[in-house]
């Protein structure tokens, strides 16, 4: 019995990816980006996180060490799926696009 082309598909469709939770999309996109050593992808994700602007504005002076650590933790939590806030639709689109393109 001949197998159909869809049974050999390795890249999911947009609809299949869009049906996944954001965290699953993040995990898949990050795994692929790690495999490809795609630092540009990670940097683009970081720039779209809600606390990225606040973290970028810190100058690293001794008086800002506490806030720098706090912002770093906030960015990490967002990067690992714990607080996408209003950026979730944009990040979902970025994850899906990355998975479809690579």
N, C-alpha and C. Protein backbone atom coordinates (compact mmCIF):
# COMPACT_ATOMS: atom_id res chain seq x y z
N UNK A 1 0.85 -1.19 0.00
CA UNK A 1 0.00 0.00 0.00
C UNK A 1 0.89 1.25 0.00
N UNK A 2 0.63 2.15 -0.90
CA UNK A 2 1.43 3.37 -1.01
C UNK A 2 1.06 4.34 0.11
N UNK A 3 2.09 5.00 0.64
CA UNK A 3 1.86 5.99 1.70
C UNK A 3 1.66 7.35 1.05
N UNK A 4 0.84 8.16 1.66
CA UNK A 4 0.59 9.50 1.12
C UNK A 4 1.74 10.43 1.49
N UNK A 5 1.85 11.52 0.78
CA UNK A 5 2.89 12.51 1.04
C UNK A 5 2.77 13.08 2.45
N UNK A 6 1.56 13.25 2.94
CA UNK A 6 1.37 13.87 4.25
C UNK A 6 1.94 13.00 5.37
N UNK A 7 2.07 11.69 5.14
CA UNK A 7 2.64 10.82 6.16
C UNK A 7 4.14 11.02 6.28
N UNK A 8 4.77 11.60 5.26
CA UNK A 8 6.21 11.82 5.28
C UNK A 8 6.56 13.25 5.69
N UNK A 9 5.59 14.06 5.98
CA UNK A 9 5.83 15.46 6.31
C UNK A 9 6.61 15.55 7.63
N UNK A 10 7.71 16.30 7.60
CA UNK A 10 8.49 16.51 8.81
C UNK A 10 8.24 17.89 9.41
N UNK A 11 7.83 18.84 8.57
CA UNK A 11 7.53 20.18 9.05
C UNK A 11 6.04 20.31 9.28
N UNK A 12 5.65 20.67 10.51
CA UNK A 12 4.22 20.84 10.77
C UNK A 12 3.66 22.03 9.98
N UNK A 13 2.37 22.00 9.76
CA UNK A 13 1.71 23.11 9.07
C UNK A 13 1.49 24.27 10.04
N UNK A 14 1.14 25.42 9.48
CA UNK A 14 0.81 26.57 10.31
C UNK A 14 -0.32 26.22 11.27
N UNK A 15 -1.36 25.57 10.77
CA UNK A 15 -2.51 25.24 11.61
C UNK A 15 -2.12 24.32 12.77
N UNK A 16 -1.25 23.35 12.48
CA UNK A 16 -0.80 22.45 13.55
C UNK A 16 0.00 23.20 14.62
N UNK A 17 0.88 24.09 14.18
CA UNK A 17 1.67 24.86 15.14
C UNK A 17 0.79 25.84 15.91
N UNK A 18 -0.13 26.49 15.22
CA UNK A 18 -0.99 27.47 15.86
C UNK A 18 -1.88 26.84 16.93
N UNK A 19 -2.15 25.56 16.81
CA UNK A 19 -2.99 24.87 17.79
C UNK A 19 -2.23 24.55 19.08
N UNK A 20 -0.90 24.66 19.05
CA UNK A 20 -0.10 24.34 20.22
C UNK A 20 -0.08 25.48 21.24
N UNK A 21 0.10 25.16 22.51
CA UNK A 21 0.24 26.22 23.52
C UNK A 21 1.55 26.99 23.28
N UNK A 22 1.60 28.22 23.73
CA UNK A 22 2.78 29.06 23.55
C UNK A 22 4.02 28.40 24.11
N UNK A 23 3.92 27.78 25.26
CA UNK A 23 5.08 27.15 25.88
C UNK A 23 5.64 26.03 25.00
N UNK A 24 4.80 25.26 24.38
CA UNK A 24 5.26 24.19 23.47
C UNK A 24 5.94 24.80 22.26
N UNK A 25 5.37 25.88 21.72
CA UNK A 25 6.01 26.57 20.59
C UNK A 25 7.39 27.08 20.99
N UNK A 26 7.48 27.68 22.19
CA UNK A 26 8.76 28.20 22.67
C UNK A 26 9.79 27.08 22.77
N UNK A 27 9.38 25.97 23.38
CA UNK A 27 10.30 24.85 23.55
C UNK A 27 10.80 24.33 22.21
N UNK A 28 9.90 24.19 21.25
CA UNK A 28 10.31 23.69 19.93
C UNK A 28 11.23 24.68 19.20
N UNK A 29 10.86 25.95 19.24
CA UNK A 29 11.67 26.97 18.56
C UNK A 29 13.04 27.09 19.21
N UNK A 30 13.09 27.07 20.55
CA UNK A 30 14.36 27.18 21.24
C UNK A 30 15.24 25.95 20.98
N UNK A 31 14.64 24.78 20.94
CA UNK A 31 15.42 23.57 20.67
C UNK A 31 16.04 23.65 19.27
N UNK A 32 15.26 24.10 18.31
CA UNK A 32 15.76 24.23 16.95
C UNK A 32 16.85 25.30 16.87
N UNK A 33 16.62 26.44 17.53
CA UNK A 33 17.61 27.52 17.51
C UNK A 33 18.90 27.09 18.21
N UNK A 34 18.80 26.33 19.28
CA UNK A 34 20.01 25.82 19.94
C UNK A 34 20.76 24.87 19.00
N UNK A 35 20.03 24.01 18.34
CA UNK A 35 20.63 23.06 17.41
C UNK A 35 21.35 23.80 16.28
N UNK A 36 20.74 24.88 15.82
CA UNK A 36 21.31 25.65 14.71
C UNK A 36 22.30 26.72 15.19
N UNK A 37 22.42 26.86 16.52
CA UNK A 37 23.28 27.89 17.13
C UNK A 37 22.89 29.28 16.61
N UNK A 38 21.61 29.53 16.61
CA UNK A 38 21.05 30.75 16.04
C UNK A 38 20.87 31.82 17.11
N UNK A 39 21.95 32.49 17.43
CA UNK A 39 21.93 33.53 18.46
C UNK A 39 21.01 34.68 18.06
N UNK A 40 20.94 34.98 16.78
CA UNK A 40 20.08 36.08 16.31
C UNK A 40 18.62 35.82 16.67
N UNK A 41 18.19 34.58 16.60
CA UNK A 41 16.80 34.27 16.98
C UNK A 41 16.57 34.58 18.45
N UNK A 42 17.47 34.12 19.31
CA UNK A 42 17.32 34.38 20.75
C UNK A 42 17.33 35.87 21.03
N UNK A 43 18.20 36.60 20.36
CA UNK A 43 18.28 38.04 20.56
C UNK A 43 16.97 38.71 20.13
N UNK A 44 16.39 38.28 19.03
CA UNK A 44 15.13 38.87 18.57
C UNK A 44 14.01 38.59 19.57
N UNK A 45 14.01 37.40 20.17
CA UNK A 45 12.99 37.09 21.17
C UNK A 45 13.18 37.98 22.39
N UNK A 46 14.41 38.12 22.86
CA UNK A 46 14.67 38.95 24.04
C UNK A 46 14.21 40.38 23.83
N UNK A 47 14.40 40.91 22.64
CA UNK A 47 14.00 42.30 22.37
C UNK A 47 12.50 42.51 22.43
N UNK A 48 11.72 41.43 22.28
CA UNK A 48 10.27 41.57 22.27
C UNK A 48 9.61 41.26 23.62
N UNK A 49 10.40 40.93 24.62
CA UNK A 49 9.83 40.64 25.94
C UNK A 49 9.45 41.93 26.64
N UNK A 50 8.40 41.91 27.46
CA UNK A 50 7.91 43.13 28.11
C UNK A 50 8.96 43.90 28.90
N UNK A 51 9.87 43.25 29.60
CA UNK A 51 10.85 43.96 30.43
C UNK A 51 12.14 44.28 29.70
N UNK A 52 12.23 44.00 28.43
CA UNK A 52 13.48 44.21 27.69
C UNK A 52 13.87 45.68 27.65
N UNK A 53 12.92 46.59 27.45
CA UNK A 53 13.25 48.01 27.40
C UNK A 53 13.79 48.51 28.72
N UNK A 54 13.19 48.06 29.81
CA UNK A 54 13.65 48.48 31.14
C UNK A 54 15.05 47.96 31.41
N UNK A 55 15.34 46.73 31.04
CA UNK A 55 16.66 46.14 31.28
C UNK A 55 17.71 46.84 30.42
N UNK A 56 17.37 47.18 29.19
CA UNK A 56 18.32 47.82 28.30
C UNK A 56 18.68 49.22 28.77
N UNK A 57 17.77 49.88 29.50
CA UNK A 57 18.00 51.25 29.96
C UNK A 57 18.93 51.31 31.16
N UNK A 58 19.18 50.21 31.84
CA UNK A 58 20.05 50.22 33.01
C UNK A 58 21.50 50.36 32.57
N UNK A 59 22.26 51.16 33.33
CA UNK A 59 23.64 51.45 32.91
C UNK A 59 24.69 50.60 33.59
N UNK A 60 24.33 49.74 34.53
CA UNK A 60 25.29 48.87 35.18
C UNK A 60 26.08 49.53 36.29
N UNK A 61 25.75 50.78 36.64
CA UNK A 61 26.46 51.44 37.73
C UNK A 61 26.14 50.73 39.05
N UNK A 62 26.99 50.93 40.08
CA UNK A 62 26.76 50.23 41.36
C UNK A 62 25.36 50.43 41.94
N UNK A 63 24.78 51.59 41.72
CA UNK A 63 23.43 51.85 42.24
C UNK A 63 22.35 51.09 41.49
N UNK A 64 22.68 50.56 40.33
CA UNK A 64 21.66 49.85 39.56
C UNK A 64 21.86 48.35 39.55
N UNK A 65 22.76 47.84 40.40
CA UNK A 65 23.01 46.40 40.43
C UNK A 65 21.76 45.64 40.84
N UNK A 66 21.07 46.09 41.88
CA UNK A 66 19.83 45.43 42.31
C UNK A 66 18.80 45.38 41.20
N UNK A 67 18.50 46.55 40.60
CA UNK A 67 17.54 46.53 39.49
C UNK A 67 18.02 45.69 38.32
N UNK A 68 19.31 45.68 38.04
CA UNK A 68 19.83 44.88 36.95
C UNK A 68 19.56 43.40 37.18
N UNK A 69 19.80 42.95 38.39
CA UNK A 69 19.52 41.55 38.73
C UNK A 69 18.03 41.28 38.63
N UNK A 70 17.22 42.19 39.17
CA UNK A 70 15.76 42.02 39.11
C UNK A 70 15.27 41.95 37.67
N UNK A 71 15.77 42.83 36.82
CA UNK A 71 15.36 42.84 35.42
C UNK A 71 15.86 41.59 34.70
N UNK A 72 17.07 41.16 35.05
CA UNK A 72 17.58 39.93 34.46
C UNK A 72 16.72 38.73 34.81
N UNK A 73 16.29 38.67 36.06
CA UNK A 73 15.40 37.58 36.49
C UNK A 73 14.07 37.68 35.77
N UNK A 74 13.54 38.91 35.65
CA UNK A 74 12.25 39.09 34.95
C UNK A 74 12.37 38.66 33.49
N UNK A 75 13.47 39.03 32.84
CA UNK A 75 13.66 38.62 31.45
C UNK A 75 13.78 37.10 31.35
N UNK A 76 14.50 36.48 32.27
CA UNK A 76 14.64 35.02 32.25
C UNK A 76 13.29 34.34 32.41
N UNK A 77 12.48 34.84 33.35
CA UNK A 77 11.16 34.25 33.57
C UNK A 77 10.33 34.36 32.31
N UNK A 78 10.39 35.49 31.64
CA UNK A 78 9.63 35.67 30.40
C UNK A 78 10.17 34.76 29.30
N UNK A 79 11.49 34.68 29.20
CA UNK A 79 12.12 33.87 28.17
C UNK A 79 11.80 32.40 28.35
N UNK A 80 11.61 31.97 29.58
CA UNK A 80 11.32 30.56 29.84
C UNK A 80 9.82 30.30 29.98
N UNK A 81 9.01 31.28 29.57
CA UNK A 81 7.57 31.03 29.49
C UNK A 81 6.77 31.39 30.72
N UNK A 82 7.30 32.22 31.57
CA UNK A 82 6.58 32.57 32.79
C UNK A 82 6.21 34.05 32.82
N UNK A 83 5.53 34.53 31.84
CA UNK A 83 5.11 35.93 31.86
C UNK A 83 5.29 36.64 30.54
N UNK A 84 4.64 36.16 29.50
CA UNK A 84 4.75 36.82 28.20
C UNK A 84 3.96 38.12 28.16
N UNK A 85 2.94 38.21 29.01
CA UNK A 85 2.07 39.39 29.09
C UNK A 85 1.54 39.76 27.70
N UNK A 86 1.58 41.05 27.37
CA UNK A 86 1.00 41.52 26.11
C UNK A 86 1.83 41.13 24.89
N UNK A 87 3.03 40.62 25.12
CA UNK A 87 3.89 40.21 24.00
C UNK A 87 3.58 38.81 23.48
N UNK A 88 2.68 38.10 24.12
CA UNK A 88 2.42 36.71 23.73
C UNK A 88 2.04 36.54 22.26
N UNK A 89 1.11 37.33 21.72
CA UNK A 89 0.77 37.14 20.30
C UNK A 89 1.98 37.34 19.36
N UNK A 90 2.79 38.34 19.64
CA UNK A 90 3.97 38.60 18.83
C UNK A 90 4.98 37.46 18.95
N UNK A 91 5.19 36.98 20.17
CA UNK A 91 6.14 35.89 20.38
C UNK A 91 5.64 34.59 19.76
N UNK A 92 4.34 34.31 19.88
CA UNK A 92 3.77 33.11 19.24
C UNK A 92 4.05 33.16 17.74
N UNK A 93 3.82 34.32 17.14
CA UNK A 93 4.05 34.47 15.70
C UNK A 93 5.52 34.25 15.36
N UNK A 94 6.42 34.78 16.20
CA UNK A 94 7.85 34.60 15.97
C UNK A 94 8.25 33.13 16.08
N UNK A 95 7.72 32.44 17.08
CA UNK A 95 8.03 31.02 17.25
C UNK A 95 7.52 30.21 16.05
N UNK A 96 6.28 30.47 15.65
CA UNK A 96 5.70 29.74 14.51
C UNK A 96 6.48 30.02 13.24
N UNK A 97 6.77 31.29 12.97
CA UNK A 97 7.54 31.64 11.77
C UNK A 97 8.89 30.93 11.76
N UNK A 98 9.55 30.92 12.89
CA UNK A 98 10.88 30.29 12.96
C UNK A 98 10.77 28.80 12.66
N UNK A 99 9.79 28.16 13.25
CA UNK A 99 9.60 26.72 13.03
C UNK A 99 9.24 26.40 11.58
N UNK A 100 8.45 27.25 10.96
CA UNK A 100 8.06 27.02 9.57
C UNK A 100 9.22 27.28 8.60
N UNK A 101 10.06 28.26 8.91
CA UNK A 101 11.14 28.64 8.01
C UNK A 101 12.35 27.72 8.10
N UNK A 102 12.51 27.06 9.24
CA UNK A 102 13.73 26.25 9.42
C UNK A 102 13.33 24.83 9.58
